[in-house]
Protein backbone atom coordinates (compact mmCIF):
# COMPACT_ATOMS: atom_id res chain seq x y z
CA MET A 1 43.67 -71.92 44.12
CA THR A 2 44.36 -71.57 40.47
CA GLY A 3 42.01 -74.20 39.73
CA ALA A 4 39.19 -72.24 41.46
CA ILE A 5 39.94 -69.23 39.29
CA ALA A 6 39.86 -71.32 36.26
CA ILE A 7 36.53 -72.80 37.07
CA VAL A 8 35.15 -69.24 37.84
CA MET A 9 36.33 -68.01 34.60
CA VAL A 10 34.97 -70.93 32.64
CA PHE A 11 31.57 -70.54 33.96
CA SER A 12 31.68 -66.59 33.96
CA ILE A 13 31.94 -66.59 30.09
CA PRO A 14 28.72 -68.12 29.46
CA ILE A 15 26.96 -66.01 32.09
CA ILE A 16 28.39 -63.00 30.61
CA ALA A 17 27.17 -64.20 27.11
CA ILE A 18 23.73 -64.75 28.52
CA VAL A 19 23.53 -61.22 30.17
CA THR A 20 24.77 -59.60 26.94
CA ASP A 21 22.24 -61.41 24.91
CA HIS A 22 19.44 -60.46 27.42
CA PHE A 23 20.40 -56.78 27.15
CA GLN A 24 20.46 -56.90 23.32
CA THR A 25 17.14 -58.59 23.32
CA GLN A 26 15.75 -55.86 25.57
CA SER A 27 17.16 -53.10 23.31
CA LYS A 28 15.54 -54.77 20.33
CA ILE A 29 12.21 -54.84 22.06
CA LYS A 30 12.43 -51.20 23.20
CA HIS A 31 13.37 -50.19 19.63
CA LYS A 32 10.24 -52.13 18.10
CA MET A 33 8.09 -50.36 20.81
CA ILE A 34 9.46 -46.99 20.06
CA GLN A 35 8.89 -47.63 16.25
CA ASP A 36 5.29 -48.72 16.95
CA GLU A 37 4.63 -45.56 19.11
CA LEU A 38 6.07 -43.29 16.28
CA GLU A 39 3.72 -45.08 13.88
CA LEU A 40 0.75 -44.62 16.20
CA GLU A 41 1.53 -40.97 16.61
CA LYS A 42 1.72 -40.54 12.74
CA LEU A 43 -1.72 -42.28 12.45
CA LYS A 44 -3.15 -40.04 15.12
CA HIS A 45 -1.76 -36.95 13.43
CA GLN A 46 -3.36 -38.05 10.12
CA ASN A 47 -6.61 -38.73 11.71
CA TYR A 48 -6.52 -35.33 13.28
CA LEU A 49 -5.96 -33.79 9.84
CA ILE A 50 -8.73 -35.68 8.30
CA GLU A 51 -11.20 -34.93 11.11
CA THR A 52 -10.13 -31.21 10.86
CA GLN A 53 -10.81 -31.16 7.06
CA LYS A 54 -14.09 -33.04 7.64
CA MET A 55 -15.30 -30.37 10.10
CA ARG A 56 -14.14 -27.53 7.84
CA LEU A 57 -16.25 -28.86 5.07
CA GLU A 58 -19.18 -29.31 7.30
CA LEU A 59 -18.96 -25.94 8.45
CA GLU A 60 -18.71 -24.63 4.93
CA GLN A 61 -21.77 -26.68 3.97
CA MET A 62 -23.72 -25.34 6.92
CA GLN A 63 -22.82 -21.73 5.95
CA LEU A 64 -23.88 -22.45 2.26
CA GLU A 65 -27.25 -23.75 3.56
CA GLY A 66 -27.53 -20.75 5.82
CA GLN A 67 -27.00 -18.37 3.06
CA LYS A 68 -29.57 -20.25 0.77
CA GLU A 69 -32.14 -20.06 3.60
CA LYS A 70 -31.64 -16.16 3.93
CA LYS A 71 -32.06 -15.73 0.17
CA ILE A 72 -35.37 -17.69 0.42
CA LEU A 73 -36.60 -15.71 3.21
């Protein structure tokens, strides 16, 4: 009986190590995914700010052109 317990304990240690390593690997992958998602959101926000500034400048240019046309008429 004690021999069976010893065999189970000997084989359970590597299994526990494999499971622990698997969970650590999963955690690292999730961490990397979250970092990538955060970087993507930062890039999206920067793009939004750039596009907004571009539209603001285009609107100002259109307004200036409209004022020039009114002066000409």
